[in-house]
């Protein structure tokens, strides 16, 4: 049972990835309307739209880790210590799916040269119902999703070098 993805918004400018990230697209939807929201360095904050897929291997890795941690700490009445009851298995899968989406969003922010905002200003809103995705998830399949978030655009290393060169030229007194 696949969850239908929210359609791509009209407008915006698709941005290129700085680092390769398969099955992903990011669009800059323009600056945020609220002038009180600024980046850490006072830079402009933009709205972004993301379409990506969580790799099946990532979900499996998280699921295995969560299951090991849960079995170490599990103490359910009617079950031996360390046994996870069958009714708790979907909750573990749900957590793995949710964590996979979070990690994929973090990777996309980095891959596209963006800087996440701190606190609630940097919240990511997944457009699909994560609980529905978790219910219909079959181990071994990728999870496509769409999301919106706010971020700033980081300077590339070349831009940073250029701006530091300009600063050095201004600081160095000319010899005449």
Protein backbone atom coordinates (compact mmCIF):
# COMPACT_ATOMS: atom_id res chain seq x y z
CA UNK A 1 0.00 0.00 0.00
CA UNK A 2 1.85 3.07 -1.24
CA UNK A 3 1.01 6.54 0.00
CA UNK A 4 0.32 9.05 -2.75
CA UNK A 5 2.89 11.87 -2.86
CA UNK A 6 1.81 15.49 -2.72
CA UNK A 7 2.19 17.13 -6.15
CA UNK A 8 5.15 19.36 -6.90
CA UNK A 9 4.38 23.03 -6.22
CA UNK A 10 4.22 25.45 -9.12
CA UNK A 11 7.03 27.97 -9.34
CA UNK A 12 10.30 28.02 -7.51
CA UNK A 13 13.75 27.35 -8.84
CA UNK A 14 15.26 23.88 -8.80
CA UNK A 15 18.74 23.89 -7.27
CA UNK A 16 21.64 21.61 -8.08
CA UNK A 17 23.20 19.28 -5.55
CA UNK A 18 26.75 20.03 -4.45
CA UNK A 19 27.20 16.40 -3.39
CA UNK A 20 25.50 13.53 -5.18
CA UNK A 21 22.21 12.40 -3.64
CA UNK A 22 20.20 9.83 -5.59
CA UNK A 23 16.43 10.15 -6.01
CA UNK A 24 16.21 13.71 -4.71
CA UNK A 25 15.15 17.14 -5.93
CA UNK A 26 15.09 20.46 -4.08
CA UNK A 27 13.36 23.67 -5.17
CA UNK A 28 13.95 27.12 -3.71
CA UNK A 29 10.44 28.55 -3.30
CA UNK A 30 11.69 32.04 -2.42
CA UNK A 31 12.42 33.99 0.76
CA UNK A 32 10.18 33.52 3.81
CA UNK A 33 7.45 36.14 4.31
CA UNK A 34 8.37 36.73 7.97
CA UNK A 35 11.21 39.27 8.19
CA UNK A 36 11.90 38.31 11.81
CA UNK A 37 13.29 34.92 10.70
CA UNK A 38 16.99 35.24 9.84
CA UNK A 39 19.93 32.84 9.59
CA UNK A 40 22.53 32.68 12.37
CA UNK A 41 24.69 35.20 10.54
CA UNK A 42 21.71 37.41 9.64
CA UNK A 43 21.41 35.91 6.15
CA UNK A 44 18.15 35.56 4.24
CA UNK A 45 16.04 32.49 4.98
CA UNK A 46 14.31 30.70 2.11
CA UNK A 47 11.45 28.20 1.81
CA UNK A 48 12.44 24.91 0.17
CA UNK A 49 10.50 21.97 -1.23
CA UNK A 50 12.12 18.51 -1.16
CA UNK A 51 11.26 15.32 -3.02
CA UNK A 52 13.45 12.40 -1.94
CA UNK A 53 13.50 8.69 -1.15
CA UNK A 54 14.69 7.02 2.02
CA UNK A 55 16.95 4.14 1.02
CA UNK A 56 15.70 0.71 2.12
CA UNK A 57 19.15 -0.12 3.52
CA UNK A 58 18.98 2.91 5.84
CA UNK A 59 15.58 1.89 7.21
CA UNK A 60 16.82 -1.67 7.72
CA UNK A 61 19.97 -0.46 9.52
CA UNK A 62 17.93 1.77 11.85
CA UNK A 63 15.36 -1.01 12.44
CA UNK A 64 18.09 -3.49 13.45
CA UNK A 65 19.66 -0.95 15.82
CA UNK A 66 16.30 -0.07 17.39
CA UNK A 67 15.40 -3.74 17.77
CA UNK A 68 18.72 -4.51 19.51
CA UNK A 69 18.29 -1.56 21.89
CA UNK A 70 14.68 -2.49 22.60
CA UNK A 71 15.52 -6.14 23.29
CA UNK A 72 18.26 -5.09 25.73
CA UNK A 73 15.82 -2.95 27.68
CA UNK A 74 12.60 -4.89 27.02
CA UNK A 75 10.69 -6.15 30.02
CA UNK A 76 7.12 -6.79 28.90
CA UNK A 77 4.77 -8.71 31.25
CA UNK A 78 4.15 -12.22 29.94
CA UNK A 79 7.34 -12.26 27.86
CA UNK A 80 10.86 -13.30 28.77
CA UNK A 81 13.29 -10.49 29.48
CA UNK A 82 14.66 -9.23 26.16
CA UNK A 83 11.69 -10.55 24.13
CA UNK A 84 9.81 -8.00 22.04
CA UNK A 85 6.11 -8.86 21.68
CA UNK A 86 4.63 -9.10 18.18
CA UNK A 87 2.31 -6.15 18.81
CA UNK A 88 5.35 -3.89 19.40
CA UNK A 89 7.02 -4.75 16.06
CA UNK A 90 5.02 -2.20 13.99
CA UNK A 91 6.04 0.53 16.44
CA UNK A 92 9.71 -0.32 15.88
CA UNK A 93 9.20 -0.21 12.12
CA UNK A 94 7.38 3.12 12.44
CA UNK A 95 10.25 4.58 14.42
CA UNK A 96 12.77 3.32 11.83
CA UNK A 97 10.75 4.87 8.97
CA UNK A 98 10.45 8.18 10.82
CA UNK A 99 14.16 8.27 11.69
CA UNK A 100 15.02 7.36 8.07
CA UNK A 101 13.02 10.35 6.80
CA UNK A 102 14.75 12.65 9.30
CA UNK A 103 18.22 11.45 8.30
CA UNK A 104 17.38 11.76 4.59
CA UNK A 105 16.21 15.36 5.12
CA UNK A 106 19.44 16.16 6.98
CA UNK A 107 21.49 14.59 4.18
CA UNK A 108 19.57 16.60 1.56
CA UNK A 109 20.19 19.88 3.38
CA UNK A 110 23.92 19.09 3.37
CA UNK A 111 24.00 17.73 -0.21
CA UNK A 112 22.36 20.85 -1.62
CA UNK A 113 24.64 23.28 0.22
CA UNK A 114 22.02 24.58 2.63
CA UNK A 115 22.25 25.42 6.32
CA UNK A 116 19.43 24.27 8.59
CA UNK A 117 17.89 26.72 11.01
CA UNK A 118 17.94 26.12 14.75
CA UNK A 119 14.78 25.49 16.78
CA UNK A 120 11.24 25.57 15.47
CA UNK A 121 12.20 27.87 12.56
CA UNK A 122 14.08 24.92 11.04
CA UNK A 123 11.22 22.42 11.30
CA UNK A 124 10.72 20.03 8.41
CA UNK A 125 7.12 19.36 7.42
CA UNK A 126 6.66 15.98 5.73
CA UNK A 127 3.66 16.34 3.42
CA UNK A 128 2.60 12.68 3.58
CA UNK A 129 1.19 10.94 6.68
CA UNK A 130 4.22 9.19 8.23
CA UNK A 131 1.93 6.80 10.19
CA UNK A 132 0.28 5.69 6.94
CA UNK A 133 3.69 5.25 5.30
CA UNK A 134 4.79 3.12 8.28
CA UNK A 135 1.64 0.95 8.18
CA UNK A 136 2.10 0.13 4.50
CA UNK A 137 5.89 -0.19 4.58
CA UNK A 138 7.40 -3.43 3.33
CA UNK A 139 10.97 -4.09 4.47
CA UNK A 140 13.40 -3.75 1.58
CA UNK A 141 11.60 -0.98 -0.30
CA UNK A 142 12.59 2.67 -0.65
CA UNK A 143 10.25 5.30 0.81
CA UNK A 144 9.50 8.29 -1.44
CA UNK A 145 8.29 11.44 0.31
CA UNK A 146 7.94 15.19 -0.09
CA UNK A 147 8.65 17.85 2.52
CA UNK A 148 9.01 21.58 3.01
CA UNK A 149 11.52 23.35 5.21
CA UNK A 150 13.29 26.65 5.79
CA UNK A 151 17.03 27.08 5.44
CA UNK A 152 19.76 29.48 4.39
CA UNK A 153 22.04 29.01 1.43
CA UNK A 154 25.63 28.37 2.55
CA UNK A 155 28.47 29.96 0.68
CA UNK A 156 30.55 27.55 -1.34
CA UNK A 157 34.27 27.28 -0.57
CA UNK A 158 35.05 29.26 -3.73
CA UNK A 159 32.69 32.08 -2.66
CA UNK A 160 34.22 32.08 0.83
CA UNK A 161 37.75 32.31 -0.64
CA UNK A 162 36.67 35.16 -2.94
CA UNK A 163 35.09 37.11 -0.07
CA UNK A 164 38.14 36.52 2.16
CA UNK A 165 40.44 37.66 -0.69
CA UNK A 166 38.38 40.85 -1.00
CA UNK A 167 38.68 41.41 2.75
CA UNK A 168 42.47 40.85 2.67
CA UNK A 169 42.85 43.37 -0.16
CA UNK A 170 40.89 45.95 1.82
CA UNK A 171 42.92 45.33 5.00
CA UNK A 172 46.38 45.43 3.38
CA UNK A 173 47.69 49.00 3.11
CA UNK A 174 48.96 49.77 -0.35
CA UNK A 175 52.63 50.61 -0.69
CA UNK A 176 53.22 53.75 -2.70
